[in-house]
N, C-alpha and C. Protein backbone atom coordinates (compact mmCIF):
# COMPACT_ATOMS: atom_id res chain seq x y z
N MET A 1 -16.39 6.73 13.51
CA MET A 1 -16.83 6.05 13.41
C MET A 1 -15.67 4.25 13.04
N SER A 2 -14.74 4.04 13.53
CA SER A 2 -14.19 3.28 12.42
C SER A 2 -13.85 1.56 12.23
N LEU A 3 -14.50 1.64 10.52
CA LEU A 3 -14.90 0.01 11.09
C LEU A 3 -13.38 -0.77 10.60
N CYS A 4 -13.44 -2.01 10.16
CA CYS A 4 -12.77 -3.19 9.34
C CYS A 4 -13.60 -4.32 9.19
N ARG A 5 -12.58 -3.61 7.25
CA ARG A 5 -13.37 -5.34 6.84
C ARG A 5 -11.57 -6.93 6.32
N ARG A 6 -12.28 -6.95 6.83
CA ARG A 6 -11.56 -8.68 5.87
C ARG A 6 -11.79 -9.15 4.88
N TYR A 7 -10.15 -8.51 3.79
CA TYR A 7 -10.16 -9.08 1.94
C TYR A 7 -9.96 -10.88 1.12
N LEU A 8 -9.93 -11.04 0.90
CA LEU A 8 -8.70 -12.07 0.43
C LEU A 8 -9.52 -11.36 -1.40
N VAL A 9 -8.16 -12.29 -1.75
CA VAL A 9 -7.34 -11.19 -3.19
C VAL A 9 -7.43 -12.23 -4.10
N SER A 10 -7.53 -12.86 -4.34
CA SER A 10 -7.18 -13.74 -6.21
C SER A 10 -6.86 -13.47 -6.96
N GLY A 11 -5.99 -13.97 -7.78
CA GLY A 11 -5.85 -13.90 -9.01
C GLY A 11 -4.38 -13.83 -9.05
N ARG A 12 -3.31 -13.56 -9.64
CA ARG A 12 -1.65 -13.18 -10.16
C ARG A 12 -1.39 -12.47 -9.23
N VAL A 13 -1.17 -12.21 -8.37
CA VAL A 13 -1.31 -11.14 -6.48
C VAL A 13 -0.23 -10.86 -6.18
N GLN A 14 0.30 -12.76 -5.71
CA GLN A 14 2.58 -12.54 -6.03
C GLN A 14 2.77 -12.43 -6.90
N GLY A 15 4.18 -11.71 -5.77
CA GLY A 15 5.31 -12.31 -6.80
C GLY A 15 5.15 -10.65 -7.76
N VAL A 16 3.74 -9.45 -7.47
CA VAL A 16 3.62 -8.27 -8.55
C VAL A 16 3.91 -7.15 -7.97
N PHE A 17 4.46 -7.18 -5.58
CA PHE A 17 4.28 -5.98 -5.53
C PHE A 17 3.25 -5.93 -5.44
N TYR A 18 2.19 -6.74 -5.17
CA TYR A 18 1.43 -6.19 -4.35
C TYR A 18 1.01 -5.81 -2.81
N ARG A 19 1.37 -6.12 -2.45
CA ARG A 19 1.22 -6.36 -1.16
C ARG A 19 1.71 -5.19 -0.29
N SER A 20 3.41 -4.46 -0.98
CA SER A 20 3.75 -3.38 -0.21
C SER A 20 2.81 -2.15 -0.83
N SER A 21 2.25 -2.61 -2.90
CA SER A 21 1.75 -1.53 -2.50
C SER A 21 -0.11 -0.94 -2.66
N ALA A 22 -0.22 -2.70 -2.18
CA ALA A 22 -1.22 -2.50 -1.19
C ALA A 22 -1.16 -1.23 0.24
N ARG A 23 -0.11 -1.74 1.36
CA ARG A 23 0.37 -1.38 1.87
C ARG A 23 0.59 0.61 1.88
N ASP A 24 0.56 1.32 0.59
CA ASP A 24 1.18 2.03 0.08
C ASP A 24 -0.18 2.91 0.33
N THR A 25 -1.14 2.04 -0.29
CA THR A 25 -2.76 2.64 -0.67
C THR A 25 -3.37 2.74 0.63
N ALA A 26 -3.24 2.28 0.99
CA ALA A 26 -3.35 2.18 2.40
C ALA A 26 -3.93 3.03 3.59
N ARG A 27 -2.19 3.22 3.68
CA ARG A 27 -1.67 3.93 4.19
C ARG A 27 -2.12 5.98 4.05
N ARG A 28 -2.15 5.98 2.44
CA ARG A 28 -2.43 7.11 1.73
C ARG A 28 -4.04 7.48 1.74
N LEU A 29 -5.23 6.36 2.28
CA LEU A 29 -6.03 6.04 3.06
C LEU A 29 -6.35 6.79 4.22
N GLY A 30 -5.05 6.80 4.85
CA GLY A 30 -5.25 6.39 6.39
C GLY A 30 -5.87 5.49 7.26
N LEU A 31 -5.65 4.23 6.54
CA LEU A 31 -5.91 3.48 6.64
C LEU A 31 -5.02 2.58 7.77
N THR A 32 -5.70 1.64 8.50
CA THR A 32 -4.26 0.97 9.97
C THR A 32 -5.32 -0.52 9.10
N GLY A 33 -3.93 -0.98 9.65
CA GLY A 33 -4.17 -2.94 9.85
C GLY A 33 -3.26 -3.87 9.00
N TRP A 34 -2.95 -4.18 8.09
CA TRP A 34 -2.02 -4.94 7.76
C TRP A 34 -2.89 -6.31 6.21
N VAL A 35 -0.79 -6.16 5.74
CA VAL A 35 -1.39 -7.29 4.70
C VAL A 35 -0.31 -7.65 4.86
N ARG A 36 -0.89 -9.43 3.61
CA ARG A 36 0.82 -10.29 3.29
C ARG A 36 -0.29 -12.07 2.99
N ASN A 37 0.87 -12.66 2.39
CA ASN A 37 0.43 -13.64 1.48
C ASN A 37 -0.07 -14.53 2.18
N LEU A 38 -0.65 -15.09 1.60
CA LEU A 38 -1.49 -17.32 2.04
C LEU A 38 -0.86 -17.93 0.68
N ASN A 39 -0.33 -19.37 1.73
CA ASN A 39 0.14 -19.84 1.12
C ASN A 39 -0.80 -20.92 0.23
N ASP A 40 -1.83 -20.74 0.06
CA ASP A 40 -2.72 -21.66 -1.46
C ASP A 40 -2.50 -19.58 -3.02
N GLY A 41 -2.10 -18.85 -3.20
CA GLY A 41 -1.42 -17.63 -3.63
C GLY A 41 -2.72 -16.21 -3.28
N ARG A 42 -3.34 -16.66 -2.69
CA ARG A 42 -4.18 -14.62 -2.32
C ARG A 42 -3.37 -14.28 -1.66
N VAL A 43 -3.67 -13.28 -1.45
CA VAL A 43 -3.40 -12.40 -0.18
C VAL A 43 -4.63 -11.67 0.57
N GLU A 44 -4.14 -11.79 1.48
CA GLU A 44 -5.19 -11.31 3.00
C GLU A 44 -4.78 -9.83 3.55
N LEU A 45 -6.35 -8.82 2.84
CA LEU A 45 -5.61 -7.52 4.48
C LEU A 45 -6.73 -7.89 5.36
N VAL A 46 -6.60 -7.23 6.99
CA VAL A 46 -7.34 -6.23 7.19
C VAL A 46 -7.26 -5.14 7.12
N ALA A 47 -7.73 -4.01 7.26
CA ALA A 47 -8.04 -2.10 6.97
C ALA A 47 -9.34 -1.80 8.11
N CYS A 48 -8.47 -1.15 8.22
CA CYS A 48 -9.79 -0.67 9.64
C CYS A 48 -9.62 1.33 9.51
N GLY A 49 -10.63 1.75 9.20
CA GLY A 49 -11.11 3.25 8.96
C GLY A 49 -12.12 3.76 8.11
N ASP A 50 -12.05 5.19 7.84
CA ASP A 50 -13.71 5.26 8.03
C ASP A 50 -14.02 5.09 6.32
N ASP A 51 -15.72 4.50 6.34
CA ASP A 51 -16.63 3.96 4.94
C ASP A 51 -15.86 4.28 3.49
N ALA A 52 -15.49 5.21 3.91
CA ALA A 52 -15.63 6.16 2.53
C ALA A 52 -13.92 5.91 2.01
N ALA A 53 -13.16 5.18 2.58
CA ALA A 53 -11.49 5.39 3.19
C ALA A 53 -11.47 3.46 2.30
N LEU A 54 -12.08 3.37 2.87
CA LEU A 54 -12.44 1.43 2.40
C LEU A 54 -12.83 1.05 1.67
N ASP A 55 -14.04 1.97 1.06
CA ASP A 55 -14.46 1.75 -0.65
C ASP A 55 -13.43 2.29 -0.84
N ARG A 56 -12.64 2.82 -1.55
CA ARG A 56 -11.83 3.75 -1.45
C ARG A 56 -10.42 2.38 -1.96
N LEU A 57 -10.00 1.92 -1.63
CA LEU A 57 -8.99 0.77 -1.33
C LEU A 57 -10.43 -0.75 -1.73
N HIS A 58 -10.68 -0.77 -1.80
CA HIS A 58 -11.86 -2.72 -1.76
C HIS A 58 -11.88 -1.55 -3.34
N ASP A 59 -11.87 -0.02 -3.91
CA ASP A 59 -11.62 -0.49 -5.22
C ASP A 59 -10.62 -0.30 -6.66
N TRP A 60 -9.44 -0.63 -5.76
CA TRP A 60 -8.49 -0.04 -5.55
C TRP A 60 -7.68 -1.52 -5.37
N LEU A 61 -8.31 -2.79 -4.69
CA LEU A 61 -7.93 -3.78 -4.88
C LEU A 61 -7.91 -4.77 -6.06
N TRP A 62 -9.74 -4.60 -6.45
CA TRP A 62 -9.74 -5.03 -8.19
C TRP A 62 -8.33 -4.04 -8.99
N GLN A 63 -7.12 -3.07 -8.79
CA GLN A 63 -7.31 -3.13 -9.95
C GLN A 63 -5.31 -3.96 -9.54
N GLY A 64 -4.98 -3.53 -8.15
CA GLY A 64 -3.58 -3.45 -7.88
C GLY A 64 -3.25 -3.25 -8.73
N PRO A 65 -1.50 -3.24 -8.56
CA PRO A 65 -0.09 -2.67 -9.11
C PRO A 65 0.16 -3.50 -10.72
N PRO A 66 0.33 -2.26 -11.69
CA PRO A 66 0.34 -2.59 -12.73
C PRO A 66 0.89 -4.60 -13.35
N HIS A 67 1.82 -5.25 -12.67
CA HIS A 67 1.30 -6.19 -13.08
C HIS A 67 0.39 -7.39 -12.89
N ALA A 68 -0.64 -6.82 -11.44
CA ALA A 68 -1.17 -7.89 -11.18
C ALA A 68 -2.42 -7.96 -12.01
N GLN A 69 -2.67 -8.98 -11.78
CA GLN A 69 -3.91 -9.47 -12.45
C GLN A 69 -5.77 -10.14 -11.61
N VAL A 70 -5.85 -9.17 -11.31
CA VAL A 70 -6.98 -9.53 -10.25
C VAL A 70 -8.59 -10.63 -10.25
N ARG A 71 -8.59 -11.61 -9.77
CA ARG A 71 -9.80 -12.50 -9.78
C ARG A 71 -10.73 -12.15 -9.62
N GLN A 72 -10.98 -11.69 -7.99
CA GLN A 72 -11.93 -11.69 -7.55
C GLN A 72 -10.82 -11.41 -6.42
N VAL A 73 -11.88 -10.22 -5.31
CA VAL A 73 -11.68 -9.79 -4.18
C VAL A 73 -12.95 -10.53 -2.42
N GLU A 74 -12.58 -10.87 -2.14
CA GLU A 74 -13.81 -10.81 -1.19
C GLU A 74 -13.82 -9.95 0.65
N VAL A 75 -15.10 -9.70 0.28
CA VAL A 75 -14.69 -8.73 2.02
C VAL A 75 -15.88 -9.00 2.84
N GLN A 76 -15.06 -8.93 3.95
CA GLN A 76 -16.49 -9.40 4.98
C GLN A 76 -15.84 -8.89 5.91
N GLU A 77 -16.88 -8.34 7.02
CA GLU A 77 -17.17 -7.25 8.40
C GLU A 77 -16.14 -7.52 9.18
N VAL A 78 -15.37 -7.19 10.38
CA VAL A 78 -14.71 -7.85 11.13
C VAL A 78 -14.96 -6.22 12.29
N GLY A 79 -14.58 -6.81 13.91
CA GLY A 79 -14.62 -5.87 13.90
C GLY A 79 -13.56 -6.36 16.04
N GLY A 80 -13.70 -5.32 16.84
CA GLY A 80 -12.88 -5.51 17.79
C GLY A 80 -11.74 -5.61 17.77
N LEU A 81 -11.08 -5.13 16.46
CA LEU A 81 -9.78 -4.77 16.79
C LEU A 81 -9.20 -3.16 16.76
N LEU A 82 -7.67 -2.52 16.71
CA LEU A 82 -6.52 -1.61 17.05
C LEU A 82 -5.21 -2.15 16.03
N PHE A 83 -4.76 -0.56 15.49
CA PHE A 83 -3.95 -0.81 14.58
C PHE A 83 -3.47 0.57 15.15
N SER A 84 -1.90 0.50 14.59
CA SER A 84 -1.48 2.42 15.14
C SER A 84 -0.83 2.38 13.59
N ASP A 85 -0.87 1.59 12.65
CA ASP A 85 -0.11 1.09 11.46
C ASP A 85 -0.91 0.39 10.16
N PHE A 86 -0.23 0.54 9.04
CA PHE A 86 -0.53 -0.69 8.42
C PHE A 86 0.28 -1.30 7.57
N ASP A 87 0.49 -2.36 7.67
CA ASP A 87 2.30 -3.31 8.00
C ASP A 87 1.40 -4.58 7.20
N VAL A 88 3.30 -4.63 6.66
CA VAL A 88 2.84 -6.04 5.89
C VAL A 88 3.63 -6.43 6.90
N ARG A 89 2.62 -7.95 6.11
CA ARG A 89 3.29 -9.19 7.55
C ARG A 89 4.25 -10.12 6.87
N TYR A 90 4.75 -10.77 7.50
CA TYR A 90 5.71 -11.77 6.25
C TYR A 90 5.15 -13.40 7.28
């Protein structure tokens, strides 16, 4: 059964390749969905897949790429979504 979660990541997460690294990590974990920058400096993701893969993504989001400095990761369950890949949205 596929679950979907929405993540809001705060800190130094823009301008450090966070979106592309998150996309690559999500794809490696077999997740679908998308990631984008928000105007307020946060990064938003929606990811769908199995519970274990989503938990591993959540752990990665706290670390991010080498130059990221993550202060907070908010997560909420969302439903009724279906994606064929994991993309960066602009």
